[in-house]
Structure formats: structure tokens, C-alpha cells
Protein backbone atom coordinates (compact mmCIF):
# COMPACT_ATOMS: atom_id res chain seq x y z
CA MET A 1 5.71 7.80 12.06
CA LYS A 2 2.91 10.46 11.83
CA THR A 3 -0.13 10.80 9.78
CA ASN A 4 -1.17 14.15 8.44
CA PRO A 5 -3.23 15.52 5.50
CA ASP A 6 -0.17 15.04 3.14
CA GLY A 7 0.17 11.41 3.88
CA VAL A 8 2.20 9.28 6.30
CA VAL A 9 5.59 10.65 7.42
CA ILE A 10 8.11 8.18 8.35
CA GLU A 11 11.00 9.59 10.23
CA GLY A 12 14.48 8.42 11.05
CA SER A 13 17.41 9.92 12.85
CA ASP A 14 18.99 11.36 9.59
CA SER A 15 15.95 12.20 7.40
CA PHE A 16 12.30 11.54 6.58
CA LEU A 17 9.99 10.64 3.85
CA THR A 18 6.17 11.15 3.11
CA TYR A 19 4.17 8.37 1.72
CA THR A 20 1.05 8.85 -0.45
CA PRO A 21 -0.60 5.95 -2.39
CA ARG A 22 1.17 6.48 -5.60
CA ALA A 23 4.39 8.41 -4.60
CA VAL A 24 6.81 8.69 -1.73
CA THR A 25 8.68 12.10 -1.42
CA LEU A 26 12.04 12.43 0.23
CA GLU A 27 12.99 15.09 2.70
CA ASN A 28 15.14 16.60 -0.27
CA GLY A 29 12.14 16.74 -2.57
CA THR A 30 13.18 13.74 -4.65
CA THR A 31 9.93 11.81 -5.63
CA ILE A 32 9.70 8.09 -5.93
CA ALA A 33 6.83 6.84 -8.09
CA HIS A 34 6.10 3.87 -10.54
CA GLU A 35 6.72 4.13 -14.03
CA SER A 36 2.99 4.33 -14.76
CA GLN A 37 2.88 7.46 -12.73
CA GLY A 38 5.80 9.20 -14.32
CA GLY A 39 8.43 7.79 -12.00
CA GLN A 40 11.21 5.52 -12.57
CA LEU A 41 10.34 2.63 -10.11
CA SER A 42 9.53 -0.73 -11.58
CA SER A 43 9.62 -3.00 -8.48
CA VAL A 44 11.46 -1.97 -5.29
CA TRP A 45 13.44 0.98 -3.98
CA ALA A 46 14.88 1.07 -0.39
CA THR A 47 16.49 3.75 1.79
CA ASP A 48 17.97 4.04 5.22
CA LEU A 49 16.79 7.16 7.15
CA GLY A 50 19.40 6.80 9.63
CA ASP A 51 17.93 4.37 12.20
CA CYS A 52 14.93 3.39 10.04
CA TYR A 53 15.20 1.04 6.89
CA VAL A 54 12.33 1.53 4.53
CA GLU A 55 11.35 -0.40 1.44
CA VAL A 56 9.03 1.13 -1.37
CA VAL A 57 7.42 -1.71 -3.33
CA TYR A 58 5.16 -1.68 -6.45
CA VAL A 59 3.08 -4.98 -6.17
CA GLY A 60 0.74 -4.32 -8.98
CA ASP A 61 -1.95 -1.91 -9.90
CA GLY A 62 -5.01 -1.35 -7.52
CA PRO A 63 -8.04 0.67 -8.27
CA ARG A 64 -6.27 3.44 -10.03
CA GLY A 65 -2.99 2.10 -10.81
CA GLY A 66 0.72 2.69 -9.75
CA GLU A 67 -0.20 2.19 -6.10
CA LEU A 68 2.76 1.87 -3.83
CA VAL A 69 3.17 -0.09 -0.51
CA VAL A 70 5.78 0.78 2.02
CA VAL A 71 7.41 -1.65 4.41
CA VAL A 72 9.18 -0.51 7.65
CA PRO A 73 10.77 -3.89 8.91
CA ALA A 74 11.83 -2.38 12.40
CA GLU A 75 8.25 -1.31 13.10
CA ASP A 76 6.49 -4.40 11.72
CA LEU A 77 4.48 -1.79 9.57
CA LEU A 78 3.04 -2.15 6.07
CA ILE A 79 1.38 0.85 4.50
CA VAL A 80 -0.85 -0.19 1.53
CA GLY A 81 -2.73 3.05 0.63
CA ASP A 82 -5.54 2.57 -1.77
CA LEU A 83 -5.09 -1.14 -2.16
CA TYR A 84 -7.63 -1.48 0.76
CA PRO A 85 -10.99 -0.32 -0.83
CA GLY A 86 -12.58 0.97 2.48
CA ASP A 87 -16.19 0.07 2.62
CA LEU A 88 -16.05 -3.53 1.43
CA SER A 89 -19.73 -3.71 0.43
CA VAL A 90 -18.69 -1.20 -2.32
CA VAL A 91 -16.30 -4.08 -3.72
CA GLU A 92 -19.32 -6.30 -4.82
CA GLY A 93 -20.89 -3.45 -6.60
CA LEU A 94 -17.87 -2.73 -8.73
CA GLU A 95 -18.43 -4.07 -12.18
CA ASN A 96 -14.86 -3.25 -13.46
CA VAL A 97 -12.57 -4.21 -10.57
CA PRO A 98 -9.14 -4.13 -12.44
CA PRO A 99 -8.07 -7.84 -12.63
CA THR A 100 -4.59 -7.01 -11.29
CA TRP A 101 -6.02 -5.47 -7.84
CA PRO A 102 -6.62 -8.97 -6.01
CA GLY A 103 -3.09 -10.05 -7.11
CA ALA A 104 -1.56 -6.72 -5.84
CA VAL A 105 -3.38 -7.19 -2.51
CA ASP A 106 -2.09 -10.94 -2.41
CA LEU A 107 1.56 -9.76 -2.89
CA ALA A 108 1.21 -7.02 -0.19
CA MET A 109 -0.38 -9.54 2.30
CA GLY A 110 2.70 -11.71 1.64
CA LEU A 111 4.76 -9.00 3.17
CA THR A 112 2.95 -9.27 6.66
CA THR A 113 2.97 -11.39 9.59
CA THR A 114 0.20 -11.99 12.15
CA THR A 115 1.54 -9.13 14.23
CA THR A 116 2.06 -6.57 11.22
CA THR A 117 0.30 -3.15 11.52
CA VAL A 118 -1.50 -2.34 8.33
CA LEU A 119 -2.04 1.24 7.47
CA THR A 120 -4.44 2.26 4.51
CA SER A 121 -5.53 5.64 3.06
CA LEU A 122 -8.38 5.51 5.67
CA GLY A 123 -6.51 4.53 8.64
CA GLN A 124 -5.25 1.31 10.61
CA ILE A 125 -6.81 -2.09 9.75
CA THR A 126 -6.20 -5.69 10.93
CA ARG A 127 -4.55 -8.03 8.79
CA GLU A 128 -7.91 -10.07 8.71
CA GLU A 129 -9.67 -6.98 7.34
CA PHE A 130 -7.01 -6.75 4.63
CA ASP A 131 -7.48 -10.39 3.87
CA ASP A 132 -11.28 -9.92 3.81
CA SER A 133 -10.85 -7.28 1.30
CA HIS A 134 -8.73 -9.50 -0.91
CA GLN A 135 -11.32 -12.27 -0.80
CA ARG A 136 -14.20 -9.87 -1.87
CA LEU A 137 -11.96 -8.36 -4.56
CA LEU A 138 -11.44 -12.06 -5.93
CA GLY A 139 -15.11 -12.54 -5.80
CA ALA A 140 -15.77 -9.41 -7.73
CA VAL A 141 -13.22 -10.27 -10.34
CA ASN A 142 -14.48 -13.92 -10.72
CA GLY A 143 -18.16 -12.74 -10.78
CA ARG A 144 -19.28 -14.11 -7.55
CA ALA A 145 -19.87 -12.50 -4.04
CA ASN A 146 -17.59 -13.63 -1.07
CA GLY A 147 -18.36 -12.71 2.48
């Protein structure tokens, strides 16, 4: 796995794919995206890159809609892209947090274990940081500050 300006590249022995928060592009140029982003994915798509099994999952809309997460079981890796908002103090200031965002984060968290590496659009975070963002999103949606 490598991170570059185009996204996160997951390499197997036979091929590779590139992840961005709303699309996954295969080595041959095929793009996997949620229906809301013009793709055909409604829930889950999986592939074997040779020696690396990868699942692409739509868990629900985040800040922009159509966000995808990627699970790489052999590496205990979850890539959540934009589902993690970054500066958590910003979340409390969001007046219009999409009500689906906390649910999407909750489902994504269900794909982790205590040892899972979580990658976001901003880099690696701990599972605890991901959980904290979930709590703050819930607070924003429910009109109260958590923290």
C-alpha cells in the first residue's frame, strides 16, 4: 500500500487499485463508485489482486455523499476517506451535519478491531480518534456538544 496525491494505492501480486473517497479505480481503468456518484455500486464490491483480497463498501453518506470505505482484511486495514472530518472542533460548528453521516461512521467502525489501522483522507488515525469523531457527529446531529 502506498499513499500518493492521487489516492491510496493497494497493490497485489497480479494488479493494483487506487482508492479515493468516492471512487476506486482498477489498474485497467475501470471505476467503482456508488450509484449517487454515477457508478453502479449499491453496497459491496470485492476483488482479489492476486495475493490481496479487497472489499469496497458503501456504508452510507458522509459529508458529501457517496463516500466509500475499503477493507483489506490481510493487512487489518480500513480506509475511510472523508468519513473522518479531520479537525473535530469543526464538527460542533456544523449546522447541517447530514443525518446519515454518524450512521455511516458507525457502520465503518463495525468493520474494525482494536488493532485495525484506520486511514483517512488526512492520514492515519487511531480507532479511538475515529470513535471520538463519531460521538461528536452524533452530538452535532442531536443538537448537543460531546467531547
